Amino acid sequence: MKLSKQYSKYESEITRFIKELKQKNPKLEEQQRAGRSLLWDKAPIDLDARDRAEQSRVNQQPYVYQNKG
């Protein structure tokens, strides 16, 4: 599907806003990547350490605030 020449250079308001924002703050993408790495990029899970932690876990009694006896 080919667009006519009339619409070939169309730019939405949102696209213009984002371009202006990036021009005003050139480090924006770098800051976004840093924020993403803080929240989402996690270190690989050590499966052996996870198994040891699960095996050494002590089960909690069903009613925590009730004394036995």
N, C-alpha and C. Protein backbone atom coordinates (compact mmCIF):
# COMPACT_ATOMS: atom_id res chain seq x y z
N MET A 1 0.85 -1.18 0.00
CA MET A 1 0.00 0.00 0.00
C MET A 1 0.89 1.23 0.00
N LYS A 2 0.72 2.06 -0.97
CA LYS A 2 1.54 3.25 -1.10
C LYS A 2 0.71 4.48 -0.75
N LEU A 3 1.24 5.32 0.10
CA LEU A 3 0.53 6.54 0.46
C LEU A 3 0.80 7.62 -0.57
N SER A 4 -0.12 8.48 -0.73
CA SER A 4 0.07 9.57 -1.68
C SER A 4 1.10 10.57 -1.15
N LYS A 5 1.60 11.42 -2.03
CA LYS A 5 2.61 12.40 -1.65
C LYS A 5 2.09 13.36 -0.59
N GLN A 6 0.79 13.55 -0.58
CA GLN A 6 0.19 14.48 0.37
C GLN A 6 0.43 14.03 1.82
N TYR A 7 0.40 12.72 2.06
CA TYR A 7 0.52 12.20 3.42
C TYR A 7 1.91 11.64 3.72
N SER A 8 2.83 11.69 2.79
CA SER A 8 4.13 11.05 2.99
C SER A 8 4.97 11.75 4.05
N LYS A 9 4.74 13.02 4.29
CA LYS A 9 5.54 13.74 5.29
C LYS A 9 4.71 14.10 6.52
N TYR A 10 3.64 13.38 6.73
CA TYR A 10 2.80 13.64 7.89
C TYR A 10 3.53 13.23 9.17
N GLU A 11 3.40 14.04 10.20
CA GLU A 11 4.01 13.76 11.49
C GLU A 11 2.98 14.08 12.56
N SER A 12 2.65 13.11 13.37
CA SER A 12 1.63 13.33 14.39
C SER A 12 2.14 14.26 15.48
N GLU A 13 1.21 14.75 16.27
CA GLU A 13 1.56 15.66 17.37
C GLU A 13 2.45 14.96 18.38
N ILE A 14 2.16 13.71 18.62
CA ILE A 14 2.94 12.95 19.61
C ILE A 14 4.38 12.77 19.12
N THR A 15 4.54 12.46 17.84
CA THR A 15 5.88 12.30 17.29
C THR A 15 6.66 13.60 17.39
N ARG A 16 6.01 14.71 17.07
CA ARG A 16 6.68 16.01 17.19
C ARG A 16 7.04 16.31 18.64
N PHE A 17 6.13 15.98 19.56
CA PHE A 17 6.38 16.21 20.99
C PHE A 17 7.60 15.42 21.46
N ILE A 18 7.68 14.16 21.05
CA ILE A 18 8.81 13.32 21.47
C ILE A 18 10.12 13.84 20.89
N LYS A 19 10.09 14.25 19.63
CA LYS A 19 11.31 14.80 19.02
C LYS A 19 11.76 16.06 19.74
N GLU A 20 10.82 16.95 20.08
CA GLU A 20 11.16 18.17 20.81
C GLU A 20 11.71 17.85 22.19
N LEU A 21 11.11 16.88 22.85
CA LEU A 21 11.56 16.47 24.18
C LEU A 21 12.98 15.94 24.13
N LYS A 22 13.28 15.13 23.12
CA LYS A 22 14.64 14.59 22.97
C LYS A 22 15.64 15.69 22.62
N GLN A 23 15.21 16.71 21.89
CA GLN A 23 16.11 17.82 21.57
C GLN A 23 16.40 18.65 22.82
N LYS A 24 15.40 18.83 23.66
CA LYS A 24 15.60 19.62 24.88
C LYS A 24 16.45 18.88 25.89
N ASN A 25 16.27 17.57 25.94
CA ASN A 25 17.01 16.75 26.91
C ASN A 25 17.70 15.61 26.17
N PRO A 26 18.92 15.81 25.67
CA PRO A 26 19.59 14.79 24.87
C PRO A 26 19.95 13.51 25.65
N LYS A 27 19.99 13.60 26.97
CA LYS A 27 20.34 12.42 27.78
C LYS A 27 19.10 11.63 28.20
N LEU A 28 17.96 11.95 27.66
CA LEU A 28 16.70 11.32 28.06
C LEU A 28 16.72 9.81 27.86
N GLU A 29 17.14 9.35 26.69
CA GLU A 29 17.15 7.91 26.43
C GLU A 29 18.12 7.19 27.35
N GLU A 30 19.25 7.80 27.61
CA GLU A 30 20.23 7.21 28.52
C GLU A 30 19.64 7.07 29.93
N GLN A 31 18.92 8.08 30.38
CA GLN A 31 18.28 8.03 31.69
C GLN A 31 17.18 6.97 31.73
N GLN A 32 16.46 6.82 30.63
CA GLN A 32 15.42 5.80 30.57
C GLN A 32 16.03 4.40 30.66
N ARG A 33 17.14 4.20 29.96
CA ARG A 33 17.80 2.89 30.01
C ARG A 33 18.32 2.60 31.42
N ALA A 34 18.85 3.62 32.08
CA ALA A 34 19.35 3.44 33.46
C ALA A 34 18.20 3.09 34.40
N GLY A 35 17.07 3.75 34.24
CA GLY A 35 15.91 3.45 35.07
C GLY A 35 15.38 2.06 34.81
N ARG A 36 15.37 1.66 33.55
CA ARG A 36 14.90 0.32 33.19
C ARG A 36 15.81 -0.74 33.81
N SER A 37 17.12 -0.50 33.77
CA SER A 37 18.04 -1.49 34.32
C SER A 37 17.87 -1.63 35.83
N LEU A 38 17.51 -0.55 36.50
CA LEU A 38 17.29 -0.64 37.95
C LEU A 38 16.08 -1.51 38.28
N LEU A 39 15.04 -1.39 37.46
CA LEU A 39 13.79 -2.09 37.77
C LEU A 39 13.68 -3.47 37.15
N TRP A 40 14.22 -3.66 35.95
CA TRP A 40 13.91 -4.87 35.21
C TRP A 40 15.08 -5.78 34.95
N ASP A 41 16.26 -5.26 34.75
CA ASP A 41 17.40 -6.12 34.42
C ASP A 41 17.94 -6.72 35.70
N LYS A 42 17.75 -8.01 35.86
CA LYS A 42 18.16 -8.70 37.08
C LYS A 42 19.32 -9.66 36.78
N ALA A 43 20.09 -9.93 37.80
CA ALA A 43 21.18 -10.89 37.66
C ALA A 43 20.60 -12.30 37.50
N PRO A 44 21.32 -13.17 36.80
CA PRO A 44 20.82 -14.55 36.65
C PRO A 44 20.67 -15.24 38.00
N ILE A 45 19.71 -16.12 38.09
CA ILE A 45 19.43 -16.84 39.34
C ILE A 45 20.41 -18.00 39.48
N ASP A 46 21.01 -18.12 40.66
CA ASP A 46 21.87 -19.26 40.96
C ASP A 46 20.96 -20.37 41.47
N LEU A 47 20.77 -21.40 40.66
CA LEU A 47 19.80 -22.45 40.99
C LEU A 47 20.21 -23.24 42.22
N ASP A 48 21.51 -23.46 42.42
CA ASP A 48 21.96 -24.20 43.61
C ASP A 48 21.64 -23.43 44.89
N ALA A 49 21.93 -22.15 44.89
CA ALA A 49 21.65 -21.33 46.07
C ALA A 49 20.14 -21.27 46.33
N ARG A 50 19.35 -21.22 45.27
CA ARG A 50 17.90 -21.19 45.43
C ARG A 50 17.39 -22.50 46.02
N ASP A 51 17.92 -23.62 45.56
CA ASP A 51 17.53 -24.92 46.12
C ASP A 51 17.90 -25.03 47.59
N ARG A 52 19.12 -24.58 47.96
CA ARG A 52 19.54 -24.62 49.37
C ARG A 52 18.62 -23.76 50.23
N ALA A 53 18.26 -22.59 49.73
CA ALA A 53 17.39 -21.69 50.49
C ALA A 53 16.01 -22.31 50.67
N GLU A 54 15.51 -22.97 49.64
CA GLU A 54 14.18 -23.60 49.75
C GLU A 54 14.21 -24.78 50.71
N GLN A 55 15.28 -25.56 50.68
CA GLN A 55 15.39 -26.72 51.56
C GLN A 55 15.59 -26.31 53.02
N SER A 56 16.24 -25.20 53.27
CA SER A 56 16.50 -24.78 54.64
C SER A 56 15.37 -23.93 55.22
N ARG A 57 14.33 -23.73 54.46
CA ARG A 57 13.21 -22.91 54.91
C ARG A 57 12.41 -23.64 56.00
N VAL A 58 12.06 -22.91 57.04
CA VAL A 58 11.28 -23.46 58.14
C VAL A 58 9.81 -23.08 57.90
N ASN A 59 8.94 -24.08 57.94
CA ASN A 59 7.52 -23.80 57.72
C ASN A 59 6.94 -22.99 58.88
N GLN A 60 6.08 -22.08 58.55
CA GLN A 60 5.44 -21.24 59.55
C GLN A 60 4.12 -21.89 59.96
N GLN A 61 3.79 -21.79 61.24
CA GLN A 61 2.52 -22.36 61.69
C GLN A 61 1.35 -21.56 61.09
N PRO A 62 0.21 -22.22 60.89
CA PRO A 62 -0.90 -21.56 60.21
C PRO A 62 -1.41 -20.30 60.92
N TYR A 63 -1.48 -20.34 62.23
CA TYR A 63 -1.97 -19.18 62.99
C TYR A 63 -0.80 -18.61 63.78
N VAL A 64 -0.19 -17.58 63.25
CA VAL A 64 1.08 -17.08 63.78
C VAL A 64 0.93 -16.55 65.21
N TYR A 65 -0.18 -15.91 65.52
CA TYR A 65 -0.33 -15.26 66.82
C TYR A 65 -0.95 -16.17 67.87
N GLN A 66 -1.16 -17.43 67.55
CA GLN A 66 -1.73 -18.36 68.53
C GLN A 66 -0.60 -19.21 69.09
N ASN A 67 -0.56 -19.29 70.44
CA ASN A 67 0.47 -20.09 71.09
C ASN A 67 0.12 -21.56 71.02
N LYS A 68 1.16 -22.40 70.95
CA LYS A 68 0.93 -23.84 71.01
C LYS A 68 0.73 -24.23 72.45
N GLY A 69 -0.31 -24.99 72.67
CA GLY A 69 -0.47 -25.51 74.02
C GLY A 69 -1.59 -25.01 74.79
